[in-house]
Structures are given as C-alpha cells and as structure tokens.
Amino acid sequence: MGEPAANVSNLIAQLKGKLWYCIEKQVSEETSFDTSYTPHYTNALVEMCYMQLVEMGKDLEAFARHAGREVISKDDMLLLLRKTPQLEDLI
C-alpha cells in the first residue's frame, strides 16, 4: 500500500473512531437503563453515518462545482438540506 493510500486509510480509521465515540455517547444517553445494545449495533450505526457523510460530501462538492466554485459554501449546504427543514433551520 502506497503512502497516500495509507494516509487516507489512517484518516478514515480516525474519523470512524471519533464517530464511534460520539455515537456510543449519544446512544448511552438516549437509551433507558434497562435497554442493552451490542458493539455490533454501534458499529452498524458508525458505518451508516460514515456512508451518509461520504454521500453528503460528494453532493456538496457537486453543488459547488456546478456553481463554478472550488470551495463549498453555506448555499451548498442549504441546497443539500432543502428537504430537511428541521436541519435547515439550524443553519
């Protein structure tokens, strides 16, 4: 594996580790004390969130490119969230 590929793999692993921490914390805060969940459940949530973030990134890049920009702007984010008014209101 070349050095750039190793760096990308390392960054992905770090991101997934941080996602795991955040998801684990939120799940433990949101579930009742008599509810249990497995690491497999947490891992499935991490993978789902990661895949969703990758797709969102691709969409944001496409919106910026379509507008003739190299940098993603707030307008791109608003365009992405146009079908999710609750999230759009937070921005």
PDB file of N, CA and C in Angstrom:
ATOM      1  N   MET A   1       0.853  -1.171   0.000  1.00  0.00           N
ATOM      2  CA  MET A   1       0.000   0.000   0.000  1.00  0.00           C
ATOM      3  C   MET A   1       0.898   1.234   0.000  1.00  0.00           C
ATOM      4  N   GLY A   2       0.648   2.162  -0.929  1.00  0.00           N
ATOM      5  CA  GLY A   2       1.449   3.362  -1.022  1.00  0.00           C
ATOM      6  C   GLY A   2       1.178   4.314   0.126  1.00  0.00           C
ATOM      7  N   GLU A   3       2.064   5.281   0.264  1.00  0.00           N
ATOM      8  CA  GLU A   3       1.948   6.234   1.369  1.00  0.00           C
ATOM      9  C   GLU A   3       0.650   7.045   1.326  1.00  0.00           C
ATOM     10  N   PRO A   4       0.220   7.592   0.172  1.00  0.00           N
ATOM     11  CA  PRO A   4      -1.048   8.331   0.155  1.00  0.00           C
ATOM     12  C   PRO A   4      -2.250   7.462   0.538  1.00  0.00           C
ATOM     13  N   ALA A   5      -2.263   6.222   0.062  1.00  0.00           N
ATOM     14  CA  ALA A   5      -3.363   5.318   0.410  1.00  0.00           C
ATOM     15  C   ALA A   5      -3.347   4.999   1.897  1.00  0.00           C
ATOM     16  N   ALA A   6      -2.160   4.850   2.474  1.00  0.00           N
ATOM     17  CA  ALA A   6      -2.042   4.581   3.902  1.00  0.00           C
ATOM     18  C   ALA A   6      -2.541   5.775   4.706  1.00  0.00           C
ATOM     19  N   ASN A   7      -2.240   6.995   4.232  1.00  0.00           N
ATOM     20  CA  ASN A   7      -2.717   8.199   4.917  1.00  0.00           C
ATOM     21  C   ASN A   7      -4.236   8.293   4.877  1.00  0.00           C
ATOM     22  N   VAL A   8      -4.827   7.976   3.730  1.00  0.00           N
ATOM     23  CA  VAL A   8      -6.286   8.005   3.602  1.00  0.00           C
ATOM     24  C   VAL A   8      -6.899   6.962   4.527  1.00  0.00           C
ATOM     25  N   SER A   9      -6.351   5.765   4.535  1.00  0.00           N
ATOM     26  CA  SER A   9      -6.861   4.710   5.413  1.00  0.00           C
ATOM     27  C   SER A   9      -6.765   5.118   6.876  1.00  0.00           C
ATOM     28  N   ASN A  10      -5.684   5.772   7.233  1.00  0.00           N
ATOM     29  CA  ASN A  10      -5.485   6.233   8.606  1.00  0.00           C
ATOM     30  C   ASN A  10      -6.509   7.309   8.961  1.00  0.00           C
ATOM     31  N   LEU A  11      -6.761   8.230   8.050  1.00  0.00           N
ATOM     32  CA  LEU A  11      -7.749   9.280   8.295  1.00  0.00           C
ATOM     33  C   LEU A  11      -9.152   8.701   8.436  1.00  0.00           C
ATOM     34  N   ILE A  12      -9.484   7.731   7.598  1.00  0.00           N
ATOM     35  CA  ILE A  12     -10.802   7.082   7.686  1.00  0.00           C
ATOM     36  C   ILE A  12     -10.942   6.377   9.026  1.00  0.00           C
ATOM     37  N   ALA A  13      -9.907   5.687   9.457  1.00  0.00           N
ATOM     38  CA  ALA A  13      -9.950   4.992  10.742  1.00  0.00           C
ATOM     39  C   ALA A  13     -10.126   5.977  11.892  1.00  0.00           C
ATOM     40  N   GLN A  14      -9.440   7.120  11.823  1.00  0.00           N
ATOM     41  CA  GLN A  14      -9.583   8.135  12.858  1.00  0.00           C
ATOM     42  C   GLN A  14     -10.996   8.705  12.880  1.00  0.00           C
ATOM     43  N   LEU A  15     -11.540   8.988  11.701  1.00  0.00           N
ATOM     44  CA  LEU A  15     -12.897   9.519  11.614  1.00  0.00           C
ATOM     45  C   LEU A  15     -13.908   8.523  12.181  1.00  0.00           C
ATOM     46  N   LYS A  16     -13.769   7.267  11.810  1.00  0.00           N
ATOM     47  CA  LYS A  16     -14.698   6.254  12.314  1.00  0.00           C
ATOM     48  C   LYS A  16     -14.556   6.080  13.826  1.00  0.00           C
ATOM     49  N   GLY A  17     -13.355   6.217  14.337  1.00  0.00           N
ATOM     50  CA  GLY A  17     -13.150   6.150  15.787  1.00  0.00           C
ATOM     51  C   GLY A  17     -13.848   7.288  16.501  1.00  0.00           C
ATOM     52  N   LYS A  18     -13.769   8.476  15.929  1.00  0.00           N
ATOM     53  CA  LYS A  18     -14.452   9.628  16.522  1.00  0.00           C
ATOM     54  C   LYS A  18     -15.962   9.497  16.394  1.00  0.00           C
ATOM     55  N   LEU A  19     -16.423   8.974  15.264  1.00  0.00           N
ATOM     56  CA  LEU A  19     -17.849   8.705  15.110  1.00  0.00           C
ATOM     57  C   LEU A  19     -18.316   7.693  16.152  1.00  0.00           C
ATOM     58  N   TRP A  20     -17.527   6.645  16.359  1.00  0.00           N
ATOM     59  CA  TRP A  20     -17.869   5.619  17.346  1.00  0.00           C
ATOM     60  C   TRP A  20     -18.061   6.267  18.714  1.00  0.00           C
ATOM     61  N   TYR A  21     -17.114   7.111  19.110  1.00  0.00           N
ATOM     62  CA  TYR A  21     -17.190   7.764  20.419  1.00  0.00           C
ATOM     63  C   TYR A  21     -18.473   8.581  20.540  1.00  0.00           C
ATOM     64  N   CYS A  22     -18.764   9.407  19.532  1.00  0.00           N
ATOM     65  CA  CYS A  22     -19.949  10.265  19.567  1.00  0.00           C
ATOM     66  C   CYS A  22     -21.237   9.453  19.558  1.00  0.00           C
ATOM     67  N   ILE A  23     -21.289   8.440  18.730  1.00  0.00           N
ATOM     68  CA  ILE A  23     -22.495   7.606  18.635  1.00  0.00           C
ATOM     69  C   ILE A  23     -22.687   6.817  19.926  1.00  0.00           C
ATOM     70  N   GLU A  24     -21.630   6.233  20.439  1.00  0.00           N
ATOM     71  CA  GLU A  24     -21.710   5.471  21.685  1.00  0.00           C
ATOM     72  C   GLU A  24     -22.217   6.356  22.820  1.00  0.00           C
ATOM     73  N   LYS A  25     -21.706   7.573  22.887  1.00  0.00           N
ATOM     74  CA  LYS A  25     -22.123   8.505  23.930  1.00  0.00           C
ATOM     75  C   LYS A  25     -23.603   8.856  23.780  1.00  0.00           C
ATOM     76  N   GLN A  26     -24.033   9.163  22.563  1.00  0.00           N
ATOM     77  CA  GLN A  26     -25.424   9.538  22.348  1.00  0.00           C
ATOM     78  C   GLN A  26     -26.366   8.370  22.600  1.00  0.00           C
ATOM     79  N   VAL A  27     -26.013   7.185  22.134  1.00  0.00           N
ATOM     80  CA  VAL A  27     -26.860   6.015  22.351  1.00  0.00           C
ATOM     81  C   VAL A  27     -26.986   5.731  23.848  1.00  0.00           C
ATOM     82  N   SER A  28     -25.891   5.816  24.572  1.00  0.00           N
ATOM     83  CA  SER A  28     -25.956   5.536  26.017  1.00  0.00           C
ATOM     84  C   SER A  28     -26.775   6.586  26.748  1.00  0.00           C
ATOM     85  N   GLU A  29     -26.743   7.834  26.287  1.00  0.00           N
ATOM     86  CA  GLU A  29     -27.540   8.895  26.914  1.00  0.00           C
ATOM     87  C   GLU A  29     -29.022   8.770  26.575  1.00  0.00           C
ATOM     88  N   GLU A  30     -29.331   8.282  25.379  1.00  0.00           N
ATOM     89  CA  GLU A  30     -30.713   8.250  24.905  1.00  0.00           C
ATOM     90  C   GLU A  30     -31.463   6.966  25.258  1.00  0.00           C
ATOM     91  N   THR A  31     -30.753   5.909  25.604  1.00  0.00           N
ATOM     92  CA  THR A  31     -31.436   4.649  25.905  1.00  0.00           C
ATOM     93  C   THR A  31     -31.711   4.558  27.401  1.00  0.00           C
ATOM     94  N   SER A  32     -32.779   3.861  27.726  1.00  0.00           N
ATOM     95  CA  SER A  32     -33.122   3.678  29.140  1.00  0.00           C
ATOM     96  C   SER A  32     -32.153   2.670  29.765  1.00  0.00           C
ATOM     97  N   PHE A  33     -32.139   2.660  31.076  1.00  0.00           N
ATOM     98  CA  PHE A  33     -31.180   1.816  31.794  1.00  0.00           C
ATOM     99  C   PHE A  33     -31.426   0.326  31.596  1.00  0.00           C
ATOM    100  N   ASP A  34     -32.667  -0.054  31.291  1.00  0.00           N
ATOM    101  CA  ASP A  34     -32.962  -1.473  31.115  1.00  0.00           C
ATOM    102  C   ASP A  34     -32.787  -1.935  29.667  1.00  0.00           C
ATOM    103  N   THR A  35     -32.243  -1.069  28.820  1.00  0.00           N
ATOM    104  CA  THR A  35     -32.017  -1.406  27.417  1.00  0.00           C
ATOM    105  C   THR A  35     -30.530  -1.674  27.196  1.00  0.00           C
ATOM    106  N   SER A  36     -30.258  -2.755  26.491  1.00  0.00           N
ATOM    107  CA  SER A  36     -28.858  -3.045  26.178  1.00  0.00           C
ATOM    108  C   SER A  36     -28.680  -3.053  24.660  1.00  0.00           C
ATOM    109  N   TYR A  37     -27.458  -2.833  24.245  1.00  0.00           N
ATOM    110  CA  TYR A  37     -27.112  -2.861  22.828  1.00  0.00           C
ATOM    111  C   TYR A  37     -25.699  -3.403  22.717  1.00  0.00           C
ATOM    112  N   THR A  38     -25.396  -3.949  21.552  1.00  0.00           N
ATOM    113  CA  THR A  38     -24.102  -4.603  21.363  1.00  0.00           C
ATOM    114  C   THR A  38     -23.144  -3.690  20.595  1.00  0.00           C
ATOM    115  N   PRO A  39     -21.862  -4.009  20.645  1.00  0.00           N
ATOM    116  CA  PRO A  39     -20.902  -3.273  19.814  1.00  0.00           C
ATOM    117  C   PRO A  39     -21.220  -3.405  18.316  1.00  0.00           C
ATOM    118  N   HIS A  40     -21.840  -4.518  17.927  1.00  0.00           N
ATOM    119  CA  HIS A  40     -22.231  -4.685  16.523  1.00  0.00           C
ATOM    120  C   HIS A  40     -23.257  -3.633  16.121  1.00  0.00           C
ATOM    121  N   TYR A  41     -24.179  -3.328  17.033  1.00  0.00           N
ATOM    122  CA  TYR A  41     -25.182  -2.286  16.783  1.00  0.00           C
ATOM    123  C   TYR A  41     -24.495  -0.938  16.613  1.00  0.00           C
ATOM    124  N   THR A  42     -23.589  -0.611  17.521  1.00  0.00           N
ATOM    125  CA  THR A  42     -22.860   0.654  17.437  1.00  0.00           C
ATOM    126  C   THR A  42     -22.057   0.715  16.145  1.00  0.00           C
ATOM    127  N   ASN A  43     -21.407  -0.391  15.792  1.00  0.00           N
ATOM    128  CA  ASN A  43     -20.621  -0.421  14.561  1.00  0.00           C
ATOM    129  C   ASN A  43     -21.508  -0.207  13.332  1.00  0.00           C
ATOM    130  N   ALA A  44     -22.701  -0.794  13.335  1.00  0.00           N
ATOM    131  CA  ALA A  44     -23.623  -0.598  12.213  1.00  0.00           C
ATOM    132  C   ALA A  44     -24.021   0.875  12.091  1.00  0.00           C
ATOM    133  N   LEU A  45     -24.253   1.532  13.218  1.00  0.00           N
ATOM    134  CA  LEU A  45     -24.574   2.962  13.193  1.00  0.00           C
ATOM    135  C   LEU A  45     -23.387   3.785  12.681  1.00  0.00           C
ATOM    136  N   VAL A  46     -22.188   3.425  13.108  1.00  0.00           N
ATOM    137  CA  VAL A  46     -20.980   4.126  12.640  1.00  0.00           C
ATOM    138  C   VAL A  46     -20.844   3.996  11.130  1.00  0.00           C
ATOM    139  N   GLU A  47     -20.988   2.785  10.617  1.00  0.00           N
ATOM    140  CA  GLU A  47     -20.848   2.561   9.174  1.00  0.00           C
ATOM    141  C   GLU A  47     -21.931   3.313   8.390  1.00  0.00           C
ATOM    142  N   MET A  48     -23.154   3.308   8.917  1.00  0.00           N
ATOM    143  CA  MET A  48     -24.243   4.009   8.250  1.00  0.00           C
ATOM    144  C   MET A  48     -23.978   5.520   8.234  1.00  0.00           C
ATOM    145  N   CYS A  49     -23.549   6.070   9.364  1.00  0.00           N
ATOM    146  CA  CYS A  49     -23.243   7.500   9.430  1.00  0.00           C
ATOM    147  C   CYS A  49     -22.084   7.858   8.509  1.00  0.00           C
ATOM    148  N   TYR A  50     -21.057   7.021   8.493  1.00  0.00           N
ATOM    149  CA  TYR A  50     -19.901   7.277   7.633  1.00  0.00           C
ATOM    150  C   TYR A  50     -20.318   7.302   6.160  1.00  0.00           C
ATOM    151  N   MET A  51     -21.106   6.308   5.748  1.00  0.00           N
ATOM    152  CA  MET A  51     -21.547   6.259   4.351  1.00  0.00           C
ATOM    153  C   MET A  51     -22.407   7.475   4.010  1.00  0.00           C
ATOM    154  N   GLN A  52     -23.256   7.904   4.943  1.00  0.00           N
ATOM    155  CA  GLN A  52     -24.097   9.074   4.712  1.00  0.00           C
ATOM    156  C   GLN A  52     -23.233  10.333   4.587  1.00  0.00           C
ATOM    157  N   LEU A  53     -22.220  10.462   5.431  1.00  0.00           N
ATOM    158  CA  LEU A  53     -21.326  11.622   5.360  1.00  0.00           C
ATOM    159  C   LEU A  53     -20.543  11.659   4.047  1.00  0.00           C
ATOM    160  N   VAL A  54     -20.114  10.495   3.577  1.00  0.00           N
ATOM    161  CA  VAL A  54     -19.401  10.423   2.297  1.00  0.00           C
ATOM    162  C   VAL A  54     -20.312  10.896   1.170  1.00  0.00           C
ATOM    163  N   GLU A  55     -21.556  10.419   1.167  1.00  0.00           N
ATOM    164  CA  GLU A  55     -22.507  10.826   0.121  1.00  0.00           C
ATOM    165  C   GLU A  55     -22.817  12.320   0.213  1.00  0.00           C
ATOM    166  N   MET A  56     -22.965  12.835   1.427  1.00  0.00           N
ATOM    167  CA  MET A  56     -23.211  14.267   1.588  1.00  0.00           C
ATOM    168  C   MET A  56     -22.031  15.075   1.047  1.00  0.00           C
ATOM    169  N   GLY A  57     -20.831  14.602   1.316  1.00  0.00           N
ATOM    170  CA  GLY A  57     -19.643  15.283   0.812  1.00  0.00           C
ATOM    171  C   GLY A  57     -19.602  15.324  -0.702  1.00  0.00           C
ATOM    172  N   LYS A  58     -19.954  14.201  -1.319  1.00  0.00           N
ATOM    173  CA  LYS A  58     -19.988  14.158  -2.788  1.00  0.00           C
ATOM    174  C   LYS A  58     -21.016  15.144  -3.331  1.00  0.00           C
ATOM    175  N   ASP A  59     -22.200  15.184  -2.698  1.00  0.00           N
ATOM    176  CA  ASP A  59     -23.238  16.117  -3.145  1.00  0.00           C
ATOM    177  C   ASP A  59     -22.784  17.565  -2.982  1.00  0.00           C
ATOM    178  N   LEU A  60     -22.180  17.880  -1.843  1.00  0.00           N
ATOM    179  CA  LEU A  60     -21.709  19.249  -1.618  1.00  0.00           C
ATOM    180  C   LEU A  60     -20.647  19.647  -2.645  1.00  0.00           C
ATOM    181  N   GLU A  61     -19.743  18.740  -2.939  1.00  0.00           N
ATOM    182  CA  GLU A  61     -18.726  19.016  -3.961  1.00  0.00           C
ATOM    183  C   GLU A  61     -19.370  19.242  -5.321  1.00  0.00           C
ATOM    184  N   ALA A  62     -20.375  18.447  -5.647  1.00  0.00           N
ATOM    185  CA  ALA A  62     -21.059  18.594  -6.938  1.00  0.00           C
ATOM    186  C   ALA A  62     -21.789  19.932  -7.021  1.00  0.00           C
ATOM    187  N   PHE A  63     -22.438  20.349  -5.936  1.00  0.00           N
ATOM    188  CA  PHE A  63     -23.128  21.642  -5.935  1.00  0.00           C
ATOM    189  C   PHE A  63     -22.146  22.786  -6.141  1.00  0.00           C
ATOM    190  N   ALA A  64     -21.021  22.732  -5.450  1.00  0.00           N
ATOM    191  CA  ALA A  64     -20.014  23.787  -5.588  1.00  0.00           C
ATOM    192  C   ALA A  64     -19.435  23.792  -7.000  1.00  0.00           C
ATOM    193  N   ARG A  65     -19.129  22.631  -7.523  1.00  0.00           N
ATOM    194  CA  ARG A  65     -18.575  22.526  -8.882  1.00  0.00           C
ATOM    195  C   ARG A  65     -19.571  23.059  -9.916  1.00  0.00           C
ATOM    196  N   HIS A  66     -20.849  22.736  -9.720  1.00  0.00           N
ATOM    197  CA  HIS A  66     -21.891  23.214 -10.638  1.00  0.00           C
ATOM    198  C   HIS A  66     -21.976  24.744 -10.630  1.00  0.00           C
ATOM    199  N   ALA A  67     -21.711  25.336  -9.469  1.00  0.00           N
ATOM    200  CA  ALA A  67     -21.743  26.793  -9.351  1.00  0.00           C
ATOM    201  C   ALA A  67     -20.427  27.425  -9.792  1.00  0.00           C
ATOM    202  N   GLY A  68     -19.478  26.610 -10.229  1.00  0.00           N
ATOM    203  CA  GLY A  68     -18.201  27.135 -10.700  1.00  0.00           C
ATOM    204  C   GLY A  68     -17.248  27.494  -9.577  1.00  0.00           C
ATOM    205  N   ARG A  69     -17.423  26.886  -8.412  1.00  0.00           N
ATOM    206  CA  ARG A  69     -16.557  27.165  -7.268  1.00  0.00           C
ATOM    207  C   ARG A  69     -15.761  25.933  -6.886  1.00  0.00           C
ATOM    208  N   GLU A  70     -14.641  26.158  -6.238  1.00  0.00           N
ATOM    209  CA  GLU A  70     -13.847  25.056  -5.711  1.00  0.00           C
ATOM    210  C   GLU A  70     -14.075  24.852  -4.219  1.00  0.00           C
ATOM    211  N   VAL A  71     -14.721  25.833  -3.597  1.00  0.00           N
ATOM    212  CA  VAL A  71     -14.943  25.791  -2.152  1.00  0.00           C
ATOM    213  C   VAL A  71     -16.438  25.640  -1.876  1.00  0.00           C
ATOM    214  N   ILE A  72     -16.779  24.750  -0.972  1.00  0.00           N
ATOM    215  CA  ILE A  72     -18.176  24.536  -0.580  1.00  0.00           C
ATOM    216  C   ILE A  72     -18.622  25.722   0.269  1.00  0.00           C
ATOM    217  N   SER A  73     -19.823  26.211  -0.010  1.00  0.00           N
ATOM    218  CA  SER A  73     -20.337  27.371   0.725  1.00  0.00           C
ATOM    219  C   SER A  73     -21.600  27.001   1.503  1.00  0.00           C
ATOM    220  N   LYS A  74     -22.071  27.962   2.279  1.00  0.00           N
ATOM    221  CA  LYS A  74     -23.312  27.789   3.031  1.00  0.00           C
ATOM    222  C   LYS A  74     -24.478  27.518   2.075  1.00  0.00           C
ATOM    223  N   ASP A  75     -24.454  28.142   0.899  1.00  0.00           N
ATOM    224  CA  ASP A  75     -25.514  27.914  -0.088  1.00  0.00           C
ATOM    225  C   ASP A  75     -25.578  26.448  -0.514  1.00  0.00           C
ATOM    226  N   ASP A  76     -24.422  25.822  -0.643  1.00  0.00           N
ATOM    227  CA  ASP A  76     -24.390  24.394  -0.999  1.00  0.00           C
ATOM    228  C   ASP A  76     -25.023  23.559   0.110  1.00  0.00           C
ATOM    229  N   MET A  77     -24.721  23.910   1.356  1.00  0.00           N
ATOM    230  CA  MET A  77     -25.287  23.189   2.484  1.00  0.00           C
ATOM    231  C   MET A  77     -26.804  23.383   2.531  1.00  0.00           C
ATOM    232  N   LEU A  78     -27.261  24.602   2.290  1.00  0.00           N
ATOM    233  CA  LEU A  78     -28.706  24.858   2.270  1.00  0.00           C
ATOM    234  C   LEU A  78     -29.384  24.069   1.155  1.00  0.00           C
ATOM    235  N   LEU A  79     -28.721  23.963   0.020  1.00  0.00           N
ATOM    236  CA  LEU A  79     -29.262  23.190  -1.083  1.00  0.00           C
ATOM    237  C   LEU A  79     -29.362  21.704  -0.701  1.00  0.00           C
ATOM    238  N   LEU A  80     -28.356  21.214  -0.014  1.00  0.00           N
ATOM    239  CA  LEU A  80     -28.360  19.820   0.427  1.00  0.00           C
ATOM    240  C   LEU A  80     -29.486  19.562   1.428  1.00  0.00           C
ATOM    241  N   LEU A  81     -29.743  20.530   2.298  1.00  0.00           N
ATOM    242  CA  LEU A  81     -30.714  20.341   3.367  1.00  0.00           C
ATOM    243  C   LEU A  81     -32.121  20.807   3.007  1.00  0.00           C
ATOM    244  N   ARG A  82     -32.348  21.156   1.763  1.00  0.00           N
ATOM    245  CA  ARG A  82     -33.632  21.733   1.366  1.00  0.00           C
ATOM    246  C   ARG A  82     -34.816  20.820   1.645  1.00  0.00           C
ATOM    247  N   LYS A  83     -34.598  19.521   1.730  1.00  0.00           N
ATOM    248  CA  LYS A  83     -35.692  18.582   2.002  1.00  0.00           C
ATOM    249  C   LYS A  83     -35.757  18.195   3.479  1.00  0.00           C
ATOM    250  N   THR A  84     -34.937  18.840   4.303  1.00  0.00           N
ATOM    251  CA  THR A  84     -34.925  18.573   5.731  1.00  0.00           C
ATOM    252  C   THR A  84     -35.047  19.907   6.473  1.00  0.00           C
ATOM    253  N   PRO A  85     -36.251  20.445   6.578  1.00  0.00           N
ATOM    254  CA  PRO A  85     -36.425  21.781   7.155  1.00  0.00           C
ATOM    255  C   PRO A  85     -35.912  21.908   8.590  1.00  0.00           C
ATOM    256  N   GLN A  86     -35.998  20.828   9.380  1.00  0.00           N
ATOM    257  CA  GLN A  86     -35.529  20.903  10.762  1.00  0.00           C
ATOM    258  C   GLN A  86     -34.031  21.177  10.817  1.00  0.00           C
ATOM    259  N   LEU A  87     -33.265  20.528   9.962  1.00  0.00           N
ATOM    260  CA  LEU A  87     -31.822  20.761   9.917  1.00  0.00           C
ATOM    261  C   LEU A  87     -31.504  22.095   9.262  1.00  0.00           C
ATOM    262  N   GLU A  88     -32.271  22.461   8.253  1.00  0.00           N
ATOM    263  CA  GLU A  88     -32.054  23.723   7.562  1.00  0.00           C
ATOM    264  C   GLU A  88     -32.220  24.897   8.525  1.00  0.00           C
ATOM    265  N   ASP A  89     -33.175  24.789   9.449  1.00  0.00           N
ATOM    266  CA  ASP A  89     -33.400  25.850  10.432  1.00  0.00           C
ATOM    267  C   ASP A  89     -32.204  26.019  11.362  1.00  0.00           C
ATOM    268  N   LEU A  90     -31.455  24.951  11.612  1.00  0.00           N
ATOM    269  CA  LEU A  90     -30.284  25.028  12.476  1.00  0.00           C
ATOM    270  C   LEU A  90     -29.140  25.790  11.814  1.00  0.00           C
ATOM    271  N   ILE A  91     -29.139  25.840  10.498  1.00  0.00           N
ATOM    272  CA  ILE A  91     -28.082  26.528   9.750  1.00  0.00           C
ATOM    273  C   ILE A  91     -28.535  27.926   9.519  1.00  0.00           C
TER     274      ILE A  91
END
